[in-house]
Amino acid sequence: MSAANLYTIHCRSNLHAGAGDQSFGIIDKHVQRDPTTRLPTIFSSSLKGSLREKASAVFTAQAPGKEDPRIVEIFGSDNAKGAAKSLRQGAVYLSDAYLLGLPIRSTDQLFYVATCPELLADFLATAAKAVAAENLTQLQKFMDQLKGNFPEEGKPLANYPAQLSKVYLEDLAAARLELDAAALSPLLGPRVALLHVNDFARLAEDLPTVARNRLDNGISENLWYEEIVARETRFYCTVGEAPGGLPNSTALQQLDTLIKANSSRVQIGANATIGYGQTVWTKLQQDD
């Protein structure tokens, strides 16, 4: 099996990776969504473009107007406007970034990060292909214990402090999660909520929207509404060796070095100049 790394992606600001489709509803610009689950996602093409842009800043080219050879090895030829005389495939592949958790407003500590057992099971199945088994023991144990304690629809679970009598997540009264959620903290943070899959799907469908405006001499010329993925959302993606890549390639290690540069921050999607798309990537411990 080809080598692969698994990364979690922590949104440190709002993010808009646009779907690019035309909308005739109230919302003009939608975020990317998985075509099967309809959950927010970040397509691999967006991830690749964002990492390539970071690489152009981190890897300094030796000759003016030419890309650093490491960029070409990792991502392949840059065929902007069909200018490349010969095309070269990149040595790595990136999966789409799949949703792991969404922030949900709360009467305790402002928000929790919500997920559902189905997403955790999908994450665990993906992680098993890239992460050392001993590093998944605690998460597997948590999932095994959770099987008899799945949240019911309309009745979320949250690991709020025992001294609190009741906590609301949006308009839902949450019961206290009695299981130790320490295995989820590296993935979702210290405050975790577990929702029934139907409740989570509704949360993911009703994403925040912001009004954007273009002013010309103080006069509104164009008002539109844009859907966003809120800060504190968590995704994960797999980065691996591309089939048919060059033998003895170090591209996977070079990409990991690139990701870790600048405090592992990667800007994804649109509106970078107003602070959107700031994410932090964390690699899960890999089996050697």
Protein backbone atom coordinates (compact mmCIF):
# COMPACT_ATOMS: atom_id res chain seq x y z
CA MET A 1 0.00 0.00 0.00
CA SER A 2 1.27 3.48 -0.84
CA ALA A 3 2.38 5.71 1.99
CA ALA A 4 -0.20 8.23 3.17
CA ASN A 5 -0.58 10.95 5.79
CA LEU A 6 -3.81 11.93 7.50
CA TYR A 7 -4.36 15.57 8.48
CA THR A 8 -7.02 17.31 10.50
CA ILE A 9 -7.92 20.81 9.30
CA HIS A 10 -9.01 23.30 11.97
CA CYS A 11 -10.75 26.40 10.62
CA ARG A 12 -9.43 29.36 12.58
CA SER A 13 -11.58 31.83 10.65
CA ASN A 14 -14.70 31.67 8.52
CA LEU A 15 -14.14 29.87 5.23
CA HIS A 16 -15.75 30.05 1.82
CA ALA A 17 -14.62 27.44 -0.69
CA GLY A 18 -17.12 28.22 -3.41
CA ALA A 19 -19.16 25.61 -5.23
CA GLY A 20 -19.05 27.69 -8.40
CA ASP A 21 -22.62 26.90 -9.36
CA GLN A 22 -25.30 29.47 -10.17
CA SER A 23 -28.01 30.00 -7.58
CA PHE A 24 -31.49 31.42 -8.08
CA GLY A 25 -32.37 31.43 -4.37
CA ILE A 26 -31.69 33.89 -1.59
CA ILE A 27 -28.08 32.72 -1.21
CA ASP A 28 -25.96 33.73 -4.20
CA LYS A 29 -22.75 31.84 -3.42
CA HIS A 30 -22.80 28.40 -1.82
CA VAL A 31 -19.96 26.45 -0.23
CA GLN A 32 -18.77 23.14 -1.62
CA ARG A 33 -20.74 20.10 -0.48
CA ASP A 34 -20.24 16.37 -0.75
CA PRO A 35 -22.54 15.16 -3.57
CA THR A 36 -23.54 12.06 -1.58
CA THR A 37 -24.07 13.36 1.96
CA ARG A 38 -24.66 17.06 1.17
CA LEU A 39 -22.35 17.91 4.06
CA PRO A 40 -19.88 20.79 3.66
CA THR A 41 -16.57 19.66 2.19
CA ILE A 42 -13.48 21.13 0.56
CA PHE A 43 -12.73 19.64 -2.84
CA SER A 44 -9.25 18.29 -3.41
CA SER A 45 -8.72 20.74 -6.26
CA SER A 46 -9.20 23.62 -3.81
CA LEU A 47 -6.78 22.04 -1.34
CA LYS A 48 -4.20 21.49 -4.05
CA GLY A 49 -4.46 25.07 -5.27
CA SER A 50 -4.13 26.43 -1.74
CA LEU A 51 -1.08 24.29 -0.95
CA ARG A 52 0.53 25.15 -4.28
CA GLU A 53 0.06 28.84 -3.54
CA LYS A 54 1.68 28.37 -0.13
CA ALA A 55 4.53 26.47 -1.79
CA SER A 56 5.22 29.39 -4.12
CA ALA A 57 5.84 31.55 -1.04
CA VAL A 58 7.77 28.98 1.02
CA PHE A 59 9.88 27.33 -1.69
CA THR A 60 11.94 30.08 -3.31
CA ALA A 61 12.58 29.55 -7.02
CA GLN A 62 16.20 29.56 -8.16
CA ALA A 63 15.45 31.37 -11.42
CA PRO A 64 13.05 34.30 -11.97
CA GLY A 65 9.75 33.29 -13.51
CA LYS A 66 10.23 29.58 -12.87
CA GLU A 67 8.74 27.36 -10.20
CA ASP A 68 10.88 25.62 -7.66
CA PRO A 69 11.50 22.00 -8.81
CA ARG A 70 9.96 20.77 -5.55
CA ILE A 71 6.64 22.37 -6.47
CA VAL A 72 6.60 20.61 -9.83
CA GLU A 73 7.52 17.29 -8.23
CA ILE A 74 4.78 17.54 -5.61
CA PHE A 75 1.95 19.06 -7.62
CA GLY A 76 2.89 18.51 -11.25
CA SER A 77 3.20 21.00 -14.08
CA ASP A 78 1.48 24.36 -13.89
CA ASN A 79 -0.54 24.43 -17.10
CA ALA A 80 -2.06 27.87 -16.62
CA LYS A 81 -3.76 28.90 -19.87
CA GLY A 82 -2.30 25.82 -21.55
CA ALA A 83 1.19 27.31 -21.47
CA ALA A 84 3.07 24.16 -20.40
CA LYS A 85 5.06 22.62 -23.26
CA SER A 86 5.05 19.23 -21.56
CA LEU A 87 2.91 18.07 -18.67
CA ARG A 88 4.14 16.21 -15.62
CA GLN A 89 1.94 14.48 -13.08
CA GLY A 90 2.40 15.38 -9.44
CA ALA A 91 3.88 12.77 -7.12
CA VAL A 92 1.17 13.14 -4.45
CA TYR A 93 -2.61 12.96 -4.36
CA LEU A 94 -5.01 14.74 -2.03
CA SER A 95 -8.43 13.52 -1.04
CA ASP A 96 -11.34 15.86 -0.50
CA ALA A 97 -11.48 17.29 3.01
CA TYR A 98 -14.38 15.58 4.77
CA LEU A 99 -16.36 17.11 7.60
CA LEU A 100 -15.60 15.99 11.15
CA GLY A 101 -17.25 18.61 13.36
CA LEU A 102 -19.23 21.86 13.32
CA PRO A 103 -19.49 24.52 16.03
CA ILE A 104 -22.88 24.71 17.70
CA ARG A 105 -23.95 27.59 19.91
CA SER A 106 -24.43 26.78 23.57
CA THR A 107 -25.56 28.28 26.87
CA ASP A 108 -22.24 27.04 28.33
CA GLN A 109 -18.92 28.49 27.11
CA LEU A 110 -20.54 29.96 23.97
CA PHE A 111 -20.13 26.89 21.74
CA TYR A 112 -19.34 23.20 21.53
CA VAL A 113 -18.01 21.33 18.49
CA ALA A 114 -20.68 18.92 17.34
CA THR A 115 -20.27 15.67 15.48
CA CYS A 116 -22.23 12.43 15.13
CA PRO A 117 -21.30 8.75 15.51
CA GLU A 118 -21.53 8.18 11.76
CA LEU A 119 -18.87 10.81 11.02
CA LEU A 120 -16.62 9.44 13.74
CA ALA A 121 -16.95 5.93 12.30
CA ASP A 122 -16.03 7.20 8.82
CA PHE A 123 -13.04 9.04 10.25
CA LEU A 124 -11.88 5.96 12.14
CA ALA A 125 -12.12 3.82 8.99
CA THR A 126 -10.03 6.35 7.07
CA ALA A 127 -7.50 6.75 9.88
CA ALA A 128 -6.96 2.99 10.08
CA LYS A 129 -5.32 3.14 6.64
CA ALA A 130 -2.79 5.82 7.55
CA VAL A 131 -2.29 5.90 11.31
CA ALA A 132 -0.60 3.43 13.64
CA ALA A 133 -3.17 1.14 15.26
CA GLU A 134 -1.89 1.90 18.76
CA ASN A 135 -2.62 5.58 18.19
CA LEU A 136 -6.29 4.81 17.51
CA THR A 137 -6.86 2.61 20.56
CA GLN A 138 -8.54 5.29 22.66
CA LEU A 139 -10.81 6.43 19.83
CA GLN A 140 -11.77 2.84 19.03
CA LYS A 141 -12.52 2.21 22.71
CA PHE A 142 -14.71 5.31 22.82
CA MET A 143 -16.63 4.19 19.74
CA ASP A 144 -17.13 0.72 21.20
CA GLN A 145 -18.59 2.19 24.38
CA LEU A 146 -20.74 4.62 22.42
CA LYS A 147 -22.53 1.87 20.50
CA GLY A 148 -24.98 1.34 23.36
CA ASN A 149 -25.34 5.04 24.05
CA PHE A 150 -26.05 6.73 20.71
CA PRO A 151 -27.77 10.12 21.02
CA GLU A 152 -31.47 10.11 20.21
CA GLU A 153 -32.95 12.55 17.74
CA GLY A 154 -33.60 15.85 19.47
CA LYS A 155 -31.57 14.77 22.51
CA PRO A 156 -27.87 15.58 22.00
CA LEU A 157 -25.10 14.60 24.39
CA ALA A 158 -22.36 16.97 25.55
CA ASN A 159 -19.43 16.68 27.93
CA TYR A 160 -20.44 19.72 29.98
CA PRO A 161 -19.31 20.03 33.62
CA ALA A 162 -21.14 17.87 36.15
CA GLN A 163 -22.11 20.90 38.27
CA LEU A 164 -24.30 22.27 35.48
CA SER A 165 -27.90 21.12 35.66
CA LYS A 166 -28.75 21.79 32.02
CA VAL A 167 -27.06 23.00 28.85
CA TYR A 168 -28.79 23.98 25.61
CA LEU A 169 -27.24 23.46 22.19
CA GLU A 170 -29.11 25.85 19.90
CA ASP A 171 -32.71 25.05 20.94
CA LEU A 172 -32.02 21.46 22.08
CA ALA A 173 -31.58 20.49 25.73
CA ALA A 174 -28.45 18.35 25.97
CA ALA A 175 -27.94 15.41 28.30
CA ARG A 176 -24.52 15.00 29.85
CA LEU A 177 -22.14 12.66 28.02
CA GLU A 178 -20.97 10.30 30.73
CA LEU A 179 -18.25 8.66 28.62
CA ASP A 180 -14.71 10.01 28.80
CA ALA A 181 -14.36 12.15 25.65
CA ALA A 182 -10.58 12.60 25.99
CA ALA A 183 -10.05 10.64 22.77
CA LEU A 184 -12.05 13.30 20.87
CA SER A 185 -10.26 16.36 22.29
CA PRO A 186 -7.29 16.23 19.85
CA LEU A 187 -9.78 16.13 16.99
CA LEU A 188 -12.56 18.45 18.14
CA GLY A 189 -11.29 20.41 21.11
CA PRO A 190 -12.27 20.20 24.78
CA ARG A 191 -16.03 20.83 24.43
CA VAL A 192 -17.68 18.06 22.41
CA ALA A 193 -21.30 17.45 21.50
CA LEU A 194 -22.72 14.29 19.93
CA LEU A 195 -25.84 14.68 17.81
CA HIS A 196 -28.17 12.22 16.15
CA VAL A 197 -27.30 12.08 12.46
CA ASN A 198 -30.56 13.81 11.49
CA ASP A 199 -29.93 16.68 13.91
CA PHE A 200 -26.40 17.00 12.60
CA ALA A 201 -27.59 17.03 8.99
CA ARG A 202 -29.95 19.92 9.81
CA LEU A 203 -27.10 21.80 11.51
CA ALA A 204 -24.89 21.28 8.45
CA GLU A 205 -27.64 22.33 6.04
CA ASP A 206 -28.31 25.63 7.81
CA LEU A 207 -24.86 27.19 7.55
CA PRO A 208 -24.31 30.88 8.35
CA THR A 209 -24.63 33.44 5.57
CA VAL A 210 -23.13 36.91 5.35
CA ALA A 211 -24.16 39.89 3.26
CA ARG A 212 -21.40 41.20 0.99
CA ASN A 213 -21.54 44.59 -0.68
CA ARG A 214 -19.55 46.58 -3.23
CA LEU A 215 -19.54 50.34 -2.75
CA ASP A 216 -18.83 52.93 -5.43
CA ASN A 217 -18.27 56.35 -3.82
CA GLY A 218 -20.32 55.20 -0.84
CA ILE A 219 -23.20 53.95 -2.98
CA SER A 220 -24.17 50.28 -2.92
CA GLU A 221 -23.64 48.80 -6.37
CA ASN A 222 -23.95 45.12 -5.71
CA LEU A 223 -25.35 43.29 -2.67
CA TRP A 224 -25.08 39.53 -2.48
CA TYR A 225 -25.32 36.76 0.14
CA GLU A 226 -22.56 34.27 0.70
CA GLU A 227 -22.67 30.98 2.59
CA ILE A 228 -19.74 30.27 4.90
CA VAL A 229 -18.28 27.45 6.95
CA ALA A 230 -17.90 28.96 10.42
CA ARG A 231 -14.62 29.15 12.29
CA GLU A 232 -13.92 26.21 14.62
CA THR A 233 -15.20 23.75 12.01
CA ARG A 234 -13.05 20.63 11.63
CA PHE A 235 -12.26 18.66 8.47
CA TYR A 236 -9.80 15.89 7.65
CA CYS A 237 -8.05 14.78 4.48
CA THR A 238 -5.61 12.15 3.27
CA VAL A 239 -2.41 12.97 1.38
CA GLY A 240 -0.59 10.08 -0.25
CA GLU A 241 1.76 8.94 -2.96
CA ALA A 242 0.14 9.17 -6.37
CA PRO A 243 -0.11 5.91 -8.37
CA GLY A 244 2.63 5.75 -10.95
CA GLY A 245 4.76 8.33 -9.17
CA LEU A 246 8.52 8.48 -9.46
CA PRO A 247 10.42 5.80 -7.51
CA ASN A 248 12.20 7.00 -4.35
CA SER A 249 10.31 10.29 -4.48
CA THR A 250 10.47 12.44 -1.36
CA ALA A 251 7.46 14.51 -2.41
CA LEU A 252 5.28 13.30 0.48
CA GLN A 253 7.89 14.37 3.02
CA GLN A 254 8.44 17.66 1.20
CA LEU A 255 4.71 18.36 1.26
CA ASP A 256 4.61 17.64 4.99
CA THR A 257 7.46 20.12 5.47
CA LEU A 258 5.53 22.67 3.41
CA ILE A 259 2.35 22.19 5.46
CA LYS A 260 4.26 22.64 8.73
CA ALA A 261 5.83 25.92 7.55
CA ASN A 262 4.40 29.14 9.02
CA SER A 263 2.91 27.36 12.05
CA SER A 264 1.04 24.83 9.85
CA ARG A 265 -1.29 27.54 8.55
CA VAL A 266 -2.88 27.22 5.11
CA GLN A 267 -5.26 29.74 3.54
CA ILE A 268 -8.10 28.00 1.69
CA GLY A 269 -10.81 29.43 -0.53
CA ALA A 270 -11.88 32.97 -1.29
CA ASN A 271 -11.70 36.30 0.55
CA ALA A 272 -8.17 35.95 1.92
CA THR A 273 -7.84 39.74 2.14
CA ILE A 274 -10.62 39.91 4.74
CA GLY A 275 -9.21 37.04 6.76
CA TYR A 276 -11.27 34.14 5.45
CA GLY A 277 -9.95 30.61 5.04
CA GLN A 278 -7.28 30.58 7.74
CA THR A 279 -6.77 26.94 8.71
CA VAL A 280 -4.31 24.97 10.81
CA TRP A 281 -3.30 21.47 9.68
CA THR A 282 -2.22 18.73 12.10
CA LYS A 283 -0.80 15.40 10.97
CA LEU A 284 -1.94 12.39 12.96
CA GLN A 285 0.87 10.15 14.08
CA GLN A 286 1.81 7.84 11.25
CA ASP A 287 2.87 4.19 11.46
CA ASP A 288 6.57 3.98 10.61
